[in-house]
Every structure is written in C-alpha cells, then in structure tokens.
PDB file of N, CA and C in Angstrom:
ATOM      1  N   MET A   1      40.342 -48.188 -81.793  1.00  0.00           N
ATOM      2  CA  MET A   1      38.953 -48.821 -81.014  1.00  0.00           C
ATOM      3  C   MET A   1      37.813 -47.745 -80.723  1.00  0.00           C
ATOM      4  N   LEU A   2      38.638 -47.421 -79.571  1.00  0.00           N
ATOM      5  CA  LEU A   2      38.096 -46.045 -78.694  1.00  0.00           C
ATOM      6  C   LEU A   2      38.039 -44.818 -79.787  1.00  0.00           C
ATOM      7  N   LEU A   3      39.213 -44.263 -80.583  1.00  0.00           N
ATOM      8  CA  LEU A   3      38.832 -43.115 -81.269  1.00  0.00           C
ATOM      9  C   LEU A   3      37.707 -43.387 -82.443  1.00  0.00           C
ATOM     10  N   GLU A   4      37.148 -44.822 -82.904  1.00  0.00           N
ATOM     11  CA  GLU A   4      36.305 -45.153 -83.945  1.00  0.00           C
ATOM     12  C   GLU A   4      35.100 -44.952 -83.154  1.00  0.00           C
ATOM     13  N   GLY A   5      34.767 -45.253 -81.666  1.00  0.00           N
ATOM     14  CA  GLY A   5      33.692 -45.093 -80.412  1.00  0.00           C
ATOM     15  C   GLY A   5      33.543 -43.671 -80.535  1.00  0.00           C
ATOM     16  N   LEU A   6      34.597 -42.889 -80.431  1.00  0.00           N
ATOM     17  CA  LEU A   6      34.168 -41.215 -80.163  1.00  0.00           C
ATOM     18  C   LEU A   6      34.184 -40.354 -81.495  1.00  0.00           C
ATOM     19  N   LYS A   7      34.446 -40.845 -82.743  1.00  0.00           N
ATOM     20  CA  LYS A   7      33.881 -40.683 -83.682  1.00  0.00           C
ATOM     21  C   LYS A   7      32.905 -40.694 -84.249  1.00  0.00           C
ATOM     22  N   LEU A   8      32.141 -41.850 -83.472  1.00  0.00           N
ATOM     23  CA  LEU A   8      30.799 -42.276 -83.981  1.00  0.00           C
ATOM     24  C   LEU A   8      29.961 -40.987 -83.043  1.00  0.00           C
ATOM     25  N   MET A   9      30.284 -41.154 -81.689  1.00  0.00           N
ATOM     26  CA  MET A   9      29.807 -39.996 -80.520  1.00  0.00           C
ATOM     27  C   MET A   9      29.338 -38.817 -81.207  1.00  0.00           C
ATOM     28  N   ILE A  10      30.227 -38.535 -82.204  1.00  0.00           N
ATOM     29  CA  ILE A  10      30.467 -37.438 -82.087  1.00  0.00           C
ATOM     30  C   ILE A  10      29.371 -37.214 -83.637  1.00  0.00           C
ATOM     31  N   VAL A  11      29.809 -38.262 -84.483  1.00  0.00           N
ATOM     32  CA  VAL A  11      28.681 -37.634 -85.771  1.00  0.00           C
ATOM     33  C   VAL A  11      27.234 -37.843 -84.735  1.00  0.00           C
ATOM     34  N   GLY A  12      27.025 -38.756 -84.302  1.00  0.00           N
ATOM     35  CA  GLY A  12      25.325 -39.327 -83.783  1.00  0.00           C
ATOM     36  C   GLY A  12      24.901 -37.939 -83.237  1.00  0.00           C
ATOM     37  N   MET A  13      26.203 -36.741 -81.763  1.00  0.00           N
ATOM     38  CA  MET A  13      25.338 -36.201 -81.718  1.00  0.00           C
ATOM     39  C   MET A  13      25.542 -34.920 -82.307  1.00  0.00           C
ATOM     40  N   ALA A  14      26.219 -34.987 -83.304  1.00  0.00           N
ATOM     41  CA  ALA A  14      25.874 -33.736 -84.116  1.00  0.00           C
ATOM     42  C   ALA A  14      24.680 -33.881 -85.565  1.00  0.00           C
ATOM     43  N   THR A  15      24.567 -35.071 -85.743  1.00  0.00           N
ATOM     44  CA  THR A  15      23.564 -35.452 -86.304  1.00  0.00           C
ATOM     45  C   THR A  15      22.109 -34.969 -85.482  1.00  0.00           C
ATOM     46  N   VAL A  16      21.885 -35.553 -84.041  1.00  0.00           N
ATOM     47  CA  VAL A  16      21.065 -35.044 -83.307  1.00  0.00           C
ATOM     48  C   VAL A  16      20.494 -33.503 -83.180  1.00  0.00           C
ATOM     49  N   ILE A  17      21.931 -32.842 -82.701  1.00  0.00           N
ATOM     50  CA  ILE A  17      21.788 -31.285 -82.999  1.00  0.00           C
ATOM     51  C   ILE A  17      21.124 -30.925 -84.426  1.00  0.00           C
ATOM     52  N   LEU A  18      21.684 -31.179 -84.931  1.00  0.00           N
ATOM     53  CA  LEU A  18      21.092 -30.706 -86.499  1.00  0.00           C
ATOM     54  C   LEU A  18      19.541 -30.977 -86.823  1.00  0.00           C
ATOM     55  N   PHE A  19      18.827 -32.020 -86.195  1.00  0.00           N
ATOM     56  CA  PHE A  19      17.839 -32.686 -86.156  1.00  0.00           C
ATOM     57  C   PHE A  19      16.886 -31.701 -85.579  1.00  0.00           C
ATOM     58  N   LEU A  20      17.469 -31.502 -84.419  1.00  0.00           N
ATOM     59  CA  LEU A  20      16.890 -30.302 -83.204  1.00  0.00           C
ATOM     60  C   LEU A  20      16.759 -29.061 -83.945  1.00  0.00           C
ATOM     61  N   LEU A  21      17.654 -28.416 -84.283  1.00  0.00           N
ATOM     62  CA  LEU A  21      18.018 -26.999 -84.708  1.00  0.00           C
ATOM     63  C   LEU A  21      16.773 -26.865 -85.888  1.00  0.00           C
ATOM     64  N   LEU A  22      16.806 -27.931 -86.944  1.00  0.00           N
ATOM     65  CA  LEU A  22      16.045 -28.183 -88.160  1.00  0.00           C
ATOM     66  C   LEU A  22      14.517 -27.854 -87.398  1.00  0.00           C
ATOM     67  N   LEU A  23      14.069 -28.758 -86.343  1.00  0.00           N
ATOM     68  CA  LEU A  23      13.121 -28.667 -85.917  1.00  0.00           C
ATOM     69  C   LEU A  23      12.464 -27.438 -85.367  1.00  0.00           C
ATOM     70  N   ILE A  24      13.383 -26.451 -84.704  1.00  0.00           N
ATOM     71  CA  ILE A  24      13.042 -25.493 -84.395  1.00  0.00           C
ATOM     72  C   ILE A  24      12.817 -24.251 -85.418  1.00  0.00           C
ATOM     73  N   ALA A  25      13.773 -24.547 -86.294  1.00  0.00           N
ATOM     74  CA  ALA A  25      13.478 -23.940 -87.507  1.00  0.00           C
ATOM     75  C   ALA A  25      12.144 -23.851 -88.292  1.00  0.00           C
ATOM     76  N   CYS A  26      11.802 -25.233 -88.276  1.00  0.00           N
ATOM     77  CA  CYS A  26      10.350 -25.398 -88.832  1.00  0.00           C
ATOM     78  C   CYS A  26       9.374 -24.799 -88.028  1.00  0.00           C
ATOM     79  N   ILE A  27       9.675 -25.253 -86.131  1.00  0.00           N
ATOM     80  CA  ILE A  27       8.518 -24.369 -85.695  1.00  0.00           C
ATOM     81  C   ILE A  27       8.106 -23.079 -85.515  1.00  0.00           C
ATOM     82  N   GLU A  28       9.772 -22.489 -85.656  1.00  0.00           N
ATOM     83  CA  GLU A  28       9.349 -20.642 -85.647  1.00  0.00           C
ATOM     84  C   GLU A  28       8.704 -20.220 -86.983  1.00  0.00           C
ATOM     85  N   TRP A  29       8.990 -20.927 -88.023  1.00  0.00           N
ATOM     86  CA  TRP A  29       8.652 -20.635 -89.501  1.00  0.00           C
ATOM     87  C   TRP A  29       6.704 -21.150 -89.591  1.00  0.00           C
ATOM     88  N   VAL A  30       5.990 -21.797 -88.978  1.00  0.00           N
ATOM     89  CA  VAL A  30       5.081 -22.204 -88.669  1.00  0.00           C
ATOM     90  C   VAL A  30       4.450 -20.488 -87.995  1.00  0.00           C
ATOM     91  N   LYS A  31       4.978 -20.881 -86.827  1.00  0.00           N
ATOM     92  CA  LYS A  31       4.598 -19.569 -85.866  1.00  0.00           C
ATOM     93  C   LYS A  31       4.534 -18.151 -86.647  1.00  0.00           C
ATOM     94  N   PHE A  32       5.476 -17.715 -87.527  1.00  0.00           N
ATOM     95  CA  PHE A  32       5.279 -16.543 -88.626  1.00  0.00           C
ATOM     96  C   PHE A  32       4.598 -16.788 -89.500  1.00  0.00           C
ATOM     97  N   LEU A  33       4.254 -18.177 -90.041  1.00  0.00           N
ATOM     98  CA  LEU A  33       3.292 -18.455 -91.031  1.00  0.00           C
ATOM     99  C   LEU A  33       1.600 -17.938 -90.580  1.00  0.00           C
ATOM    100  N   THR A  34       1.458 -18.059 -89.220  1.00  0.00           N
ATOM    101  CA  THR A  34       0.407 -18.385 -88.271  1.00  0.00           C
ATOM    102  C   THR A  34      -0.013 -16.835 -87.256  1.00  0.00           C
ATOM    103  N   ARG A  35       0.730 -16.024 -87.411  1.00  0.00           N
ATOM    104  CA  ARG A  35       0.705 -15.046 -86.517  1.00  0.00           C
ATOM    105  C   ARG A  35      -0.239 -14.373 -86.694  1.00  0.00           C
ATOM    106  N   ASN A  36      -0.811 -14.003 -88.002  1.00  0.00           N
ATOM    107  CA  ASN A  36      -1.836 -13.195 -88.083  1.00  0.00           C
ATOM    108  C   ASN A  36      -3.369 -13.672 -87.696  1.00  0.00           C
ATOM    109  N   PHE A  37      -3.498 -15.293 -87.907  1.00  0.00           N
ATOM    110  CA  PHE A  37      -4.573 -15.873 -87.402  1.00  0.00           C
ATOM    111  C   PHE A  37      -4.730 -16.005 -86.074  1.00  0.00           C
ATOM    112  N   THR A  38      -2.965 -16.185 -84.927  1.00  0.00           N
ATOM    113  CA  THR A  38      -3.021 -16.351 -83.730  1.00  0.00           C
ATOM    114  C   THR A  38      -3.961 -14.886 -82.826  1.00  0.00           C
ATOM    115  N   MET A  39      -3.164 -13.757 -83.651  1.00  0.00           N
ATOM    116  CA  MET A  39      -3.555 -12.397 -83.090  1.00  0.00           C
ATOM    117  C   MET A  39      -5.100 -12.059 -83.196  1.00  0.00           C
ATOM    118  N   ASN A  40      -5.748 -12.749 -84.043  1.00  0.00           N
ATOM    119  CA  ASN A  40      -6.988 -12.661 -84.836  1.00  0.00           C
ATOM    120  C   ASN A  40      -7.519 -13.640 -83.524  1.00  0.00           C
ATOM    121  N   GLN A  41      -7.390 -14.696 -83.081  1.00  0.00           N
ATOM    122  CA  GLN A  41      -8.145 -16.184 -82.458  1.00  0.00           C
ATOM    123  C   GLN A  41      -7.706 -14.722 -80.962  1.00  0.00           C
ATOM    124  N   GLN A  42      -6.711 -14.362 -80.601  1.00  0.00           N
ATOM    125  CA  GLN A  42      -6.470 -13.911 -79.302  1.00  0.00           C
ATOM    126  C   GLN A  42      -7.932 -12.653 -79.007  1.00  0.00           C
ATOM    127  N   GLN A  43      -7.964 -12.185 -80.496  1.00  0.00           N
ATOM    128  CA  GLN A  43      -8.562 -10.653 -80.298  1.00  0.00           C
ATOM    129  C   GLN A  43     -10.397 -11.116 -80.043  1.00  0.00           C
ATOM    130  N   SER A  44     -10.474 -12.007 -80.360  1.00  0.00           N
ATOM    131  CA  SER A  44     -12.080 -12.741 -80.306  1.00  0.00           C
ATOM    132  C   SER A  44     -12.146 -13.369 -79.078  1.00  0.00           C
ATOM    133  N   LEU A  45     -11.133 -14.138 -78.099  1.00  0.00           N
ATOM    134  CA  LEU A  45     -11.022 -14.886 -77.613  1.00  0.00           C
ATOM    135  C   LEU A  45     -11.511 -13.508 -75.897  1.00  0.00           C
ATOM    136  N   HIS A  46     -10.660 -12.370 -76.682  1.00  0.00           N
ATOM    137  CA  HIS A  46     -11.199 -11.127 -75.561  1.00  0.00           C
ATOM    138  C   HIS A  46     -12.039 -10.671 -75.216  1.00  0.00           C
ATOM    139  N   GLN A  47     -12.353 -10.789 -76.559  1.00  0.00           N
ATOM    140  CA  GLN A  47     -14.043 -10.089 -77.109  1.00  0.00           C
ATOM    141  C   GLN A  47     -15.226 -10.655 -76.778  1.00  0.00           C
ATOM    142  N   SER A  48     -15.053 -11.829 -76.256  1.00  0.00           N
ATOM    143  CA  SER A  48     -15.672 -13.134 -76.027  1.00  0.00           C
ATOM    144  C   SER A  48     -16.047 -12.638 -74.334  1.00  0.00           C
ATOM    145  N   ARG A  49     -14.757 -12.894 -73.777  1.00  0.00           N
ATOM    146  CA  ARG A  49     -14.732 -13.047 -72.558  1.00  0.00           C
ATOM    147  C   ARG A  49     -15.106 -11.594 -72.075  1.00  0.00           C
ATOM    148  N   LYS A  50     -14.912 -10.728 -72.686  1.00  0.00           N
ATOM    149  CA  LYS A  50     -15.398  -9.261 -72.247  1.00  0.00           C
ATOM    150  C   LYS A  50     -16.795  -9.359 -72.395  1.00  0.00           C
ATOM    151  N   SER A  51     -17.602  -9.943 -73.198  1.00  0.00           N
ATOM    152  CA  SER A  51     -19.068  -9.649 -73.017  1.00  0.00           C
ATOM    153  C   SER A  51     -19.239 -10.949 -72.321  1.00  0.00           C
ATOM    154  N   ASP A  52     -18.884 -12.246 -71.781  1.00  0.00           N
ATOM    155  CA  ASP A  52     -19.571 -13.237 -70.987  1.00  0.00           C
ATOM    156  C   ASP A  52     -19.392 -12.405 -70.376  1.00  0.00           C
ATOM    157  N   SER A  53     -18.789 -11.567 -69.376  1.00  0.00           N
ATOM    158  CA  SER A  53     -18.566 -11.630 -68.029  1.00  0.00           C
ATOM    159  C   SER A  53     -19.500 -10.436 -67.526  1.00  0.00           C
ATOM    160  N   ASN A  54     -20.097 -10.061 -68.607  1.00  0.00           N
ATOM    161  CA  ASN A  54     -21.744  -9.196 -68.101  1.00  0.00           C
ATOM    162  C   ASN A  54     -22.599 -10.373 -68.015  1.00  0.00           C
ATOM    163  N   LYS A  55     -22.559 -10.718 -68.633  1.00  0.00           N
ATOM    164  CA  LYS A  55     -23.605 -12.289 -68.935  1.00  0.00           C
ATOM    165  C   LYS A  55     -23.693 -13.255 -67.576  1.00  0.00           C
ATOM    166  N   TYR A  56     -22.246 -13.430 -66.814  1.00  0.00           N
ATOM    167  CA  TYR A  56     -22.292 -14.307 -65.377  1.00  0.00           C
ATOM    168  C   TYR A  56     -22.584 -13.641 -64.642  1.00  0.00           C
ATOM    169  N   LYS A  57     -22.554 -11.823 -64.429  1.00  0.00           N
ATOM    170  CA  LYS A  57     -22.922 -11.262 -63.305  1.00  0.00           C
ATOM    171  C   LYS A  57     -24.260 -11.739 -62.730  1.00  0.00           C
ATOM    172  N   THR A  58     -25.159 -11.564 -64.044  1.00  0.00           N
ATOM    173  CA  THR A  58     -26.890 -11.388 -63.414  1.00  0.00           C
ATOM    174  C   THR A  58     -27.310 -12.808 -63.229  1.00  0.00           C
ATOM    175  N   VAL A  59     -26.768 -13.892 -63.271  1.00  0.00           N
ATOM    176  CA  VAL A  59     -26.958 -15.354 -63.226  1.00  0.00           C
ATOM    177  C   VAL A  59     -27.018 -15.118 -61.561  1.00  0.00           C
ATOM    178  N   PRO A  60     -28.342 -16.093 -60.627  1.00  0.00           N
ATOM    179  CA  PRO A  60     -28.812 -15.785 -59.468  1.00  0.00           C
ATOM    180  C   PRO A  60     -27.688 -16.587 -58.742  1.00  0.00           C
ATOM    181  N   LYS A  61     -27.340 -16.719 -57.554  1.00  0.00           N
ATOM    182  CA  LYS A  61     -26.482 -17.756 -57.192  1.00  0.00           C
ATOM    183  C   LYS A  61     -27.133 -18.771 -55.881  1.00  0.00           C
ATOM    184  N   LEU A  62     -26.722 -19.688 -56.575  1.00  0.00           N
ATOM    185  CA  LEU A  62     -27.808 -21.096 -56.432  1.00  0.00           C
ATOM    186  C   LEU A  62     -27.225 -21.561 -55.221  1.00  0.00           C
ATOM    187  N   GLU A  63     -27.859 -21.680 -53.573  1.00  0.00           N
ATOM    188  CA  GLU A  63     -27.121 -22.602 -52.466  1.00  0.00           C
ATOM    189  C   GLU A  63     -27.856 -23.925 -52.489  1.00  0.00           C
ATOM    190  N   VAL A  64     -27.003 -24.777 -52.488  1.00  0.00           N
ATOM    191  CA  VAL A  64     -27.238 -26.328 -51.973  1.00  0.00           C
ATOM    192  C   VAL A  64     -27.634 -26.582 -50.068  1.00  0.00           C
ATOM    193  N   PRO A  65     -28.882 -27.049 -49.445  1.00  0.00           N
ATOM    194  CA  PRO A  65     -28.829 -26.835 -48.179  1.00  0.00           C
ATOM    195  C   PRO A  65     -27.930 -28.110 -47.466  1.00  0.00           C
ATOM    196  N   VAL A  66     -27.334 -27.841 -46.248  1.00  0.00           N
ATOM    197  CA  VAL A  66     -26.508 -28.048 -45.850  1.00  0.00           C
ATOM    198  C   VAL A  66     -27.213 -29.980 -45.386  1.00  0.00           C
ATOM    199  N   GLU A  67     -28.387 -29.811 -45.804  1.00  0.00           N
ATOM    200  CA  GLU A  67     -29.071 -31.561 -45.685  1.00  0.00           C
ATOM    201  C   GLU A  67     -28.502 -32.528 -46.382  1.00  0.00           C
ATOM    202  N   VAL A  68     -28.654 -31.616 -47.776  1.00  0.00           N
ATOM    203  CA  VAL A  68     -28.271 -32.604 -49.197  1.00  0.00           C
ATOM    204  C   VAL A  68     -26.611 -32.810 -49.162  1.00  0.00           C
ATOM    205  N   PHE A  69     -26.384 -32.694 -48.538  1.00  0.00           N
ATOM    206  CA  PHE A  69     -24.458 -33.134 -48.289  1.00  0.00           C
ATOM    207  C   PHE A  69     -24.755 -33.868 -47.360  1.00  0.00           C
ATOM    208  N   ALA A  70     -25.188 -33.242 -46.046  1.00  0.00           N
ATOM    209  CA  ALA A  70     -24.955 -34.576 -44.981  1.00  0.00           C
ATOM    210  C   ALA A  70     -25.529 -36.195 -45.505  1.00  0.00           C
ATOM    211  N   ALA A  71     -26.989 -35.846 -46.247  1.00  0.00           N
ATOM    212  CA  ALA A  71     -27.153 -36.948 -46.718  1.00  0.00           C
ATOM    213  C   ALA A  71     -26.340 -37.854 -48.017  1.00  0.00           C
ATOM    214  N   ALA A  72     -25.634 -36.887 -48.588  1.00  0.00           N
ATOM    215  CA  ALA A  72     -24.676 -37.429 -49.891  1.00  0.00           C
ATOM    216  C   ALA A  72     -24.008 -38.352 -49.092  1.00  0.00           C
ATOM    217  N   ILE A  73     -23.067 -37.687 -48.293  1.00  0.00           N
ATOM    218  CA  ILE A  73     -22.041 -38.229 -47.645  1.00  0.00           C
ATOM    219  C   ILE A  73     -22.627 -39.429 -46.706  1.00  0.00           C
ATOM    220  N   ALA A  74     -23.520 -39.522 -45.723  1.00  0.00           N
ATOM    221  CA  ALA A  74     -23.751 -40.477 -45.393  1.00  0.00           C
ATOM    222  C   ALA A  74     -24.435 -41.901 -46.178  1.00  0.00           C
ATOM    223  N   SER A  75     -24.953 -41.791 -47.754  1.00  0.00           N
ATOM    224  CA  SER A  75     -24.976 -42.206 -48.225  1.00  0.00           C
ATOM    225  C   SER A  75     -24.081 -43.122 -49.079  1.00  0.00           C
ATOM    226  N   TYR A  76     -22.673 -42.387 -49.093  1.00  0.00           N
ATOM    227  CA  TYR A  76     -21.317 -42.816 -49.974  1.00  0.00           C
ATOM    228  C   TYR A  76     -20.935 -43.659 -48.532  1.00  0.00           C
ATOM    229  N   GLU A  77     -20.650 -43.077 -47.165  1.00  0.00           N
ATOM    230  CA  GLU A  77     -20.116 -43.960 -46.587  1.00  0.00           C
ATOM    231  C   GLU A  77     -20.763 -45.364 -46.232  1.00  0.00           C
ATOM    232  N   SER A  78     -22.415 -45.723 -46.207  1.00  0.00           N
ATOM    233  CA  SER A  78     -22.958 -46.841 -46.265  1.00  0.00           C
ATOM    234  C   SER A  78     -23.035 -47.774 -47.578  1.00  0.00           C
ATOM    235  N   ASP A  79     -22.597 -46.785 -48.738  1.00  0.00           N
ATOM    236  CA  ASP A  79     -22.024 -48.147 -49.539  1.00  0.00           C
ATOM    237  C   ASP A  79     -20.684 -48.650 -49.501  1.00  0.00           C
ATOM    238  N   ASN A  80     -20.097 -47.773 -49.048  1.00  0.00           N
ATOM    239  CA  ASN A  80     -18.534 -48.068 -48.685  1.00  0.00           C
ATOM    240  C   ASN A  80     -18.483 -49.117 -47.705  1.00  0.00           C
ATOM    241  N   ASN A  81     -19.342 -49.049 -46.709  1.00  0.00           N
ATOM    242  CA  ASN A  81     -19.155 -49.946 -45.622  1.00  0.00           C
ATOM    243  C   ASN A  81     -19.810 -51.012 -45.806  1.00  0.00           C
ATOM    244  N   THR A  82     -20.607 -51.486 -46.769  1.00  0.00           N
ATOM    245  CA  THR A  82     -21.261 -52.850 -47.301  1.00  0.00           C
ATOM    246  C   THR A  82     -20.567 -53.107 -48.168  1.00  0.00           C
ATOM    247  N   SER A  83     -19.698 -52.583 -48.690  1.00  0.00           N
ATOM    248  CA  SER A  83     -18.594 -53.263 -49.877  1.00  0.00           C
ATOM    249  C   SER A  83     -17.891 -53.803 -49.536  1.00  0.00           C
TER     250      SER A  83
END
C-alpha cells in the first residue's frame, strides 16, 4: 500500500514537472517568434518618450492656492462629521 502511494506520488510529480517544462518551452518559443515585434515596439516607445520629453518641458506649472486645499479639507471633514 505504501509502495503504491509512493509510485503514484512519483508519477504525479513527474507529470507536473513535464507539464511545466513543456510550458516553459512554449513560452520561450513564443518569445523567439515575437522578438522582432518586441524590438520594434521598444524602439518606437523609446522614440516617442524622447519626442514627448521636449513637449512636457514647455507646459507651464500650475499651482493651486492653499485656500482651495483648506476648503476641500473643511468640506470633507464636515461631510464625515454629519454622517
């Protein structure tokens, strides 16, 4: 009985390991097939970040007055106190 349990455990673990190895092989195969697409995507992303970095430097910095924050906090606290 114990020997059959050990055999079942070994067969089950071997099946799981084989399945995981097959899964890893499939992932590597997909990575190999899509390597050119991935390189093109990375290059276009890098170029878009490079061009966008100049665009954001010209945007003026917007500042919100402290009174607006104080009013928002007071409103939030009054809503929570009445609930």
